[in-house]
Amino acid sequence: MAVSGNESMRIVMIGSGYVGLVSGACLADFGHHVTCVDKSAAKIDALEAGKVPIFEPGLDNIIEHNRNAGRLDFSKELATSVANADVVFIAVGTPSRRGDGHADLSYVYAAAREIA
């Protein structure tokens, strides 16, 4: 889908940590509809209740503004969210692997398999 001018995309951000939540909130602020999906029910419930689980200056205001505008929402349901998306970003954790310190991509691969 080509986007220009006043068109917006339906974006799904898998993961609602520092990368996913901040990126999702900013993309919503640009006018796109963003759904941040996370497997952590506690994190999604907190976000839906207006509690931001991380600190980034001004993030709480951006989230509140875009939630009120209907451009930002949160979900625990990946399949439903992805089915309606124009774009899907995988923003899950990549902790260091034990032993060699390389990024553990198992969460990225798991998210990709679930999307497929």
Protein backbone atom coordinates (compact mmCIF):
# COMPACT_ATOMS: atom_id res chain seq x y z
CA MET A 1 0.00 0.00 0.00
CA ALA A 2 1.48 3.33 -1.01
CA VAL A 3 0.95 6.08 1.51
CA SER A 4 1.01 9.73 0.64
CA GLY A 5 -0.47 12.92 1.93
CA ASN A 6 -3.43 12.19 4.19
CA GLU A 7 -3.48 8.40 3.90
CA SER A 8 -2.75 6.34 6.95
CA MET A 9 -1.77 2.75 7.55
CA ARG A 10 -2.97 0.15 10.03
CA ILE A 11 0.19 -0.83 11.87
CA VAL A 12 0.71 -3.65 14.34
CA MET A 13 3.66 -3.42 16.70
CA ILE A 14 4.48 -6.80 18.24
CA GLY A 15 5.99 -6.04 21.61
CA SER A 16 5.19 -3.07 23.80
CA GLY A 17 8.48 -2.48 25.57
CA TYR A 18 10.86 0.42 24.98
CA VAL A 19 11.14 -0.09 21.23
CA GLY A 20 7.60 -1.19 20.41
CA LEU A 21 5.68 1.17 22.66
CA VAL A 22 7.71 4.27 21.83
CA SER A 23 7.75 3.52 18.10
CA GLY A 24 4.05 2.67 18.08
CA ALA A 25 3.08 5.82 19.95
CA CYS A 26 5.14 7.98 17.58
CA LEU A 27 3.70 6.30 14.48
CA ALA A 28 0.21 6.94 15.88
CA ASP A 29 1.20 10.56 16.45
CA PHE A 30 2.08 10.74 12.74
CA GLY A 31 -1.56 9.81 12.01
CA HIS A 32 -1.43 6.05 11.55
CA HIS A 33 -3.63 3.60 13.44
CA VAL A 34 -1.37 1.48 15.64
CA THR A 35 -2.14 -1.60 17.69
CA CYS A 36 0.58 -2.61 20.14
CA VAL A 37 0.36 -6.33 20.85
CA ASP A 38 2.00 -8.05 23.79
CA LYS A 39 1.72 -11.48 25.40
CA SER A 40 1.97 -9.92 28.84
CA ALA A 41 -1.63 -9.48 29.98
CA ALA A 42 -0.45 -7.34 32.90
CA LYS A 43 1.36 -4.93 30.55
CA ILE A 44 -1.61 -4.62 28.17
CA ASP A 45 -4.07 -4.21 31.05
CA ALA A 46 -1.88 -1.46 32.54
CA LEU A 47 -1.61 0.35 29.20
CA GLU A 48 -5.37 0.14 28.66
CA ALA A 49 -5.81 1.64 32.13
CA GLY A 50 -3.56 4.56 31.18
CA LYS A 51 -0.48 3.36 33.06
CA VAL A 52 2.74 3.54 31.04
CA PRO A 53 5.15 0.80 32.19
CA ILE A 54 8.32 2.55 30.99
CA PHE A 55 9.69 6.05 31.36
CA GLU A 56 10.41 8.14 28.34
CA PRO A 57 9.90 11.92 28.63
CA GLY A 58 6.51 12.91 27.17
CA LEU A 59 5.53 9.35 26.23
CA ASP A 60 2.55 9.26 28.57
CA ASN A 61 1.13 12.40 26.92
CA ILE A 62 1.66 11.03 23.40
CA ILE A 63 -0.04 7.77 24.35
CA GLU A 64 -2.98 9.52 26.01
CA HIS A 65 -3.45 11.92 23.08
CA ASN A 66 -3.44 9.14 20.48
CA ARG A 67 -5.63 6.82 22.55
CA ASN A 68 -8.18 9.63 22.83
CA ALA A 69 -7.92 10.24 19.07
CA GLY A 70 -8.57 6.54 18.37
CA ARG A 71 -5.23 5.98 16.68
CA LEU A 72 -3.54 3.84 19.36
CA ASP A 73 -4.82 0.72 21.02
CA PHE A 74 -3.45 -2.34 22.78
CA SER A 75 -4.18 -6.03 22.41
CA LYS A 76 -3.16 -9.48 23.59
CA GLU A 77 -4.54 -11.03 20.37
CA LEU A 78 -1.88 -11.26 17.68
CA ALA A 79 -3.86 -13.12 15.01
CA THR A 80 -6.81 -10.73 15.06
CA SER A 81 -4.58 -7.66 15.01
CA VAL A 82 -2.30 -8.89 12.22
CA ALA A 83 -5.22 -9.95 10.02
CA ASN A 84 -6.22 -6.30 9.56
CA ALA A 85 -2.72 -4.79 9.33
CA ASP A 86 -1.00 -3.08 6.43
CA VAL A 87 2.36 -3.29 8.20
CA VAL A 88 3.66 -5.46 11.05
CA PHE A 89 6.77 -4.63 13.08
CA ILE A 90 8.41 -7.17 15.36
CA ALA A 91 9.80 -5.32 18.39
CA VAL A 92 10.31 -8.11 20.89
CA GLY A 93 13.20 -8.62 23.27
CA THR A 94 16.56 -9.89 22.03
CA PRO A 95 18.47 -10.60 25.25
CA SER A 96 22.09 -11.71 25.13
CA ARG A 97 22.60 -15.44 24.77
CA ARG A 98 24.37 -17.21 27.58
CA GLY A 99 27.90 -18.12 26.79
CA ASP A 100 28.62 -16.13 23.64
CA GLY A 101 26.78 -12.83 24.27
CA HIS A 102 25.14 -12.75 20.83
CA ALA A 103 21.54 -11.61 20.56
CA ASP A 104 19.02 -14.34 21.31
CA LEU A 105 16.63 -14.09 18.36
CA SER A 106 14.30 -16.85 19.54
CA TYR A 107 11.54 -14.34 20.41
CA VAL A 108 11.83 -12.74 16.97
CA TYR A 109 11.59 -16.13 15.27
CA ALA A 110 8.64 -17.14 17.47
CA ALA A 111 6.78 -13.93 16.57
CA ALA A 112 7.47 -14.49 12.86
CA ARG A 113 6.17 -18.07 13.09
CA GLU A 114 3.04 -16.86 14.87
CA ILE A 115 2.42 -14.22 12.19
CA ALA A 116 2.83 -16.84 9.46
